[in-house]
Amino acid sequence: MVVLQMVLLLCAGSSLADDLFSPNVNIIAELEKLKNMEERIQKLEETLTKVLSENEALKTLEKDSQNKMEFFQKENEAKKVAFSAGLLESGTGYTGPINTPKTLVYKKVFSNIGGAYDPNTGVFTAPVKGAYYLRFYGHSHGGTTMAVSLLKNGETQCSLYSWKPTSNGNASNGVVLTLETGDQISTRLWQNTWVYDDPASYTSFGGFLIFPL
């Protein structure tokens, strides 16, 4: 009996030792699960970072595309340039003569596509670099001299002239000019000369962009 008890005690001690010193299978399995979970979380973080990076790239691309579209729209609008105006907004009458040259201000605006002509100053300002066609007309009555020049940035480009016609005098001129952005075009009445206008707009000024450069 004593021997049997001793054997049982030895077996129990051996089993307890095995439990204490042998790895616990459940703990290892849980640790393995945690390891796998950490790997999955890391992969998710990497995927999320990649998605966020791609999203930022898409936002940048979208912004660039929008900027380009706005640029092309503005450029296309800038290509639409044309104007035409008569000297007097209403009524009839002479302009001149005066002792010094005078910039003619055409008040009766028929069209001003692009808004490059200023009816307050009589000056057309080129919105884009390009080839432009400019034309102007003048009218005078018998016995008066009419002379008008077309100017680019204050420099005469071409002129029209009618010296004391016996009845009515009419003249016109036109030119194709290469203009830089901001170049200014106007017409100037010579000193001691006259121009006449009425609701028929005999004296007028106009032009348009042929093509940009």
Protein backbone atom coordinates (compact mmCIF):
# COMPACT_ATOMS: atom_id res chain seq x y z
CA MET A 1 0.00 0.00 0.00
CA VAL A 2 2.78 2.40 0.93
CA VAL A 3 4.60 1.47 -2.25
CA LEU A 4 1.47 2.17 -4.31
CA GLN A 5 1.05 5.59 -2.69
CA MET A 6 4.64 6.44 -3.44
CA VAL A 7 4.18 5.43 -7.09
CA LEU A 8 1.05 7.61 -7.38
CA LEU A 9 2.86 10.57 -5.83
CA LEU A 10 5.75 10.16 -8.23
CA CYS A 11 3.33 10.05 -11.20
CA ALA A 12 1.47 13.15 -10.01
CA GLY A 13 4.73 15.03 -9.51
CA SER A 14 5.92 14.03 -12.94
CA SER A 15 2.63 15.22 -14.51
CA LEU A 16 2.81 18.49 -12.62
CA ALA A 17 6.36 19.02 -13.77
CA ASP A 18 5.29 18.40 -17.35
CA ASP A 19 2.55 21.03 -16.99
CA LEU A 20 4.95 23.55 -15.51
CA PHE A 21 7.86 23.10 -17.86
CA SER A 22 6.18 22.10 -21.12
CA PRO A 23 4.80 24.84 -23.49
CA ASN A 24 1.09 25.47 -23.21
CA VAL A 25 -0.41 24.68 -26.63
CA ASN A 26 -3.37 27.08 -26.20
CA ILE A 27 -1.12 30.06 -25.41
CA ILE A 28 1.01 29.39 -28.47
CA ALA A 29 -2.09 29.21 -30.62
CA GLU A 30 -3.37 32.53 -29.23
CA LEU A 31 0.02 34.13 -29.75
CA GLU A 32 0.00 32.89 -33.33
CA LYS A 33 -3.46 34.39 -33.82
CA LEU A 34 -2.23 37.72 -32.43
CA LYS A 35 0.74 37.61 -34.76
CA ASN A 36 -1.53 36.97 -37.74
CA MET A 37 -3.83 39.79 -36.63
CA GLU A 38 -0.90 42.19 -36.35
CA GLU A 39 0.18 41.24 -39.86
CA ARG A 40 -3.33 41.83 -41.17
CA ILE A 41 -3.52 45.20 -39.40
CA GLN A 42 -0.15 46.17 -40.90
CA LYS A 43 -1.35 45.18 -44.36
CA LEU A 44 -4.56 47.17 -43.83
CA GLU A 45 -2.52 50.19 -42.77
CA GLU A 46 -0.33 49.84 -45.87
CA THR A 47 -3.41 49.51 -48.08
CA LEU A 48 -5.06 52.52 -46.43
CA THR A 49 -1.89 54.59 -46.89
CA LYS A 50 -1.77 53.60 -50.55
CA VAL A 51 -5.45 54.46 -51.05
CA LEU A 52 -5.01 57.83 -49.36
CA SER A 53 -1.94 58.54 -51.50
CA GLU A 54 -3.81 57.60 -54.67
CA ASN A 55 -6.75 59.74 -53.55
CA GLU A 56 -4.45 62.77 -53.10
CA ALA A 57 -2.95 62.11 -56.53
CA LEU A 58 -6.46 62.01 -58.02
CA LYS A 59 -7.34 65.28 -56.29
CA THR A 60 -4.19 66.89 -57.69
CA LEU A 61 -4.95 65.54 -61.17
CA GLU A 62 -8.54 66.78 -60.94
CA LYS A 63 -7.36 70.24 -59.83
CA ASP A 64 -4.81 70.38 -62.67
CA SER A 65 -7.48 69.35 -65.18
CA GLN A 66 -9.86 72.00 -63.84
CA ASN A 67 -7.15 74.68 -64.05
CA LYS A 68 -6.33 73.68 -67.62
CA MET A 69 -10.01 73.76 -68.57
CA GLU A 70 -10.42 77.22 -67.07
CA PHE A 71 -7.27 78.36 -68.89
CA PHE A 72 -8.53 77.04 -72.25
CA GLN A 73 -11.95 78.61 -71.65
CA LYS A 74 -10.38 82.00 -70.90
CA GLU A 75 -8.06 81.65 -73.88
CA ASN A 76 -10.99 80.78 -76.13
CA GLU A 77 -12.95 83.77 -74.84
CA ALA A 78 -9.93 86.01 -75.42
CA LYS A 79 -9.95 84.96 -79.09
CA LYS A 80 -13.43 86.44 -79.58
CA VAL A 81 -12.61 90.07 -80.33
CA ALA A 82 -14.59 92.44 -82.57
CA PHE A 83 -15.96 95.95 -82.24
CA SER A 84 -17.72 98.62 -84.26
CA ALA A 85 -18.80 102.12 -83.26
CA GLY A 86 -20.16 105.36 -84.74
CA LEU A 87 -18.84 108.73 -83.68
CA LEU A 88 -21.99 110.35 -82.28
CA GLU A 89 -24.27 108.46 -79.92
CA SER A 90 -27.22 110.55 -81.12
CA GLY A 91 -27.98 113.74 -83.04
CA THR A 92 -25.94 115.44 -85.74
CA GLY A 93 -22.91 117.71 -85.75
CA TYR A 94 -19.29 118.46 -86.47
CA THR A 95 -16.29 117.53 -84.37
CA GLY A 96 -13.55 120.15 -84.74
CA PRO A 97 -11.83 122.20 -85.80
CA ILE A 98 -9.40 122.57 -82.90
CA ASN A 99 -5.86 123.89 -82.57
CA THR A 100 -4.36 120.56 -81.52
CA PRO A 101 -4.91 116.97 -82.69
CA LYS A 102 -7.84 115.28 -80.92
CA THR A 103 -8.51 111.60 -80.19
CA LEU A 104 -11.94 110.76 -81.56
CA VAL A 105 -14.24 109.03 -79.08
CA TYR A 106 -16.85 106.85 -80.79
CA LYS A 107 -19.91 106.75 -78.52
CA LYS A 108 -22.42 104.76 -80.58
CA VAL A 109 -21.28 101.19 -79.97
CA PHE A 110 -22.76 98.63 -82.38
CA SER A 111 -20.78 95.70 -81.02
CA ASN A 112 -17.96 95.21 -78.56
CA ILE A 113 -17.28 91.49 -78.35
CA GLY A 114 -14.57 90.88 -75.78
CA GLY A 115 -14.97 94.40 -74.33
CA ALA A 116 -11.63 95.59 -75.72
CA TYR A 117 -12.97 98.90 -77.02
CA ASP A 118 -13.50 101.69 -74.46
CA PRO A 119 -16.31 104.10 -75.51
CA ASN A 120 -15.15 106.55 -72.83
CA THR A 121 -11.70 107.06 -74.36
CA GLY A 122 -12.08 105.90 -77.98
CA VAL A 123 -9.20 103.45 -77.45
CA PHE A 124 -9.13 99.78 -78.46
CA THR A 125 -6.71 97.67 -76.37
CA ALA A 126 -5.57 94.32 -77.80
CA PRO A 127 -6.46 91.56 -75.29
CA VAL A 128 -4.20 88.97 -76.96
CA LYS A 129 -1.27 88.95 -79.34
CA GLY A 130 -2.49 88.48 -82.89
CA ALA A 131 -3.20 89.82 -86.35
CA TYR A 132 -5.98 92.43 -86.31
CA TYR A 133 -7.93 94.17 -89.03
CA LEU A 134 -8.73 97.84 -88.27
CA ARG A 135 -10.84 100.16 -90.40
CA PHE A 136 -12.16 103.72 -90.03
CA TYR A 137 -14.39 106.05 -92.02
CA GLY A 138 -14.78 109.82 -92.11
CA HIS A 139 -17.34 112.22 -93.56
CA SER A 140 -17.27 115.97 -94.15
CA HIS A 141 -19.44 118.58 -95.81
CA GLY A 142 -18.52 120.86 -98.69
CA GLY A 143 -15.91 123.49 -98.02
CA THR A 144 -14.38 121.76 -94.97
CA THR A 145 -11.17 119.75 -94.75
CA MET A 146 -11.22 116.34 -93.05
CA ALA A 147 -8.14 114.39 -91.94
CA VAL A 148 -8.00 111.46 -89.51
CA SER A 149 -5.16 109.08 -88.67
CA LEU A 150 -5.12 105.61 -87.14
CA LEU A 151 -2.56 105.32 -84.33
CA LYS A 152 -0.88 102.36 -82.66
CA ASN A 153 0.50 103.27 -79.25
CA GLY A 154 0.53 106.92 -80.33
CA GLU A 155 2.29 106.29 -83.65
CA THR A 156 0.49 106.98 -86.97
CA GLN A 157 -0.15 103.86 -89.06
CA CYS A 158 -2.38 105.19 -91.85
CA SER A 159 -4.66 108.14 -92.54
CA LEU A 160 -7.65 109.39 -94.52
CA TYR A 161 -7.97 112.87 -96.02
CA SER A 162 -10.51 114.97 -97.90
CA TRP A 163 -9.61 118.57 -98.78
CA LYS A 164 -12.56 120.96 -99.03
CA PRO A 165 -14.85 118.93 -101.30
CA THR A 166 -17.41 120.88 -103.32
CA SER A 167 -20.23 118.85 -101.73
CA ASN A 168 -19.85 115.96 -99.28
CA GLY A 169 -16.51 114.31 -98.71
CA ASN A 170 -16.04 110.67 -97.69
CA ALA A 171 -12.89 108.71 -97.06
CA SER A 172 -11.88 105.41 -95.48
CA ASN A 173 -8.78 103.41 -94.79
CA GLY A 174 -7.86 100.14 -93.16
CA VAL A 175 -4.86 98.08 -92.23
CA VAL A 176 -3.86 94.68 -90.84
CA LEU A 177 -1.60 95.07 -87.81
CA THR A 178 0.29 92.63 -85.63
CA LEU A 179 -0.53 93.67 -82.08
CA GLU A 180 0.96 92.58 -78.79
CA THR A 181 -1.22 92.16 -75.72
CA GLY A 182 -1.91 95.64 -74.37
CA ASP A 183 -1.19 97.55 -77.59
CA GLN A 184 -3.58 100.47 -78.02
CA ILE A 185 -5.32 101.60 -81.20
CA SER A 186 -7.12 104.93 -81.61
CA THR A 187 -7.97 107.50 -84.28
CA ARG A 188 -6.93 111.14 -84.16
CA LEU A 189 -8.46 114.16 -85.86
CA TRP A 190 -5.84 116.48 -87.28
CA GLN A 191 -5.70 120.06 -86.06
CA ASN A 192 -7.82 122.59 -87.94
CA THR A 193 -9.92 119.85 -89.61
CA TRP A 194 -13.51 118.65 -89.18
CA VAL A 195 -15.53 115.43 -89.28
CA TYR A 196 -19.30 115.19 -89.46
CA ASP A 197 -21.68 112.54 -88.17
CA ASP A 198 -25.39 111.94 -87.79
CA PRO A 199 -27.66 108.95 -87.01
CA ALA A 200 -26.41 107.28 -90.23
CA SER A 201 -22.95 106.96 -88.58
CA TYR A 202 -20.92 108.14 -91.57
CA THR A 203 -17.88 108.54 -89.31
CA SER A 204 -17.05 105.22 -87.64
CA PHE A 205 -14.32 102.95 -86.32
CA GLY A 206 -14.10 99.18 -86.06
CA GLY A 207 -11.92 96.10 -86.15
CA PHE A 208 -11.55 92.46 -85.21
CA LEU A 209 -9.00 89.77 -84.40
CA ILE A 210 -8.19 87.73 -87.51
CA PHE A 211 -6.21 85.08 -85.61
CA PRO A 212 -4.04 84.93 -82.47
CA LEU A 213 -0.26 84.53 -82.69
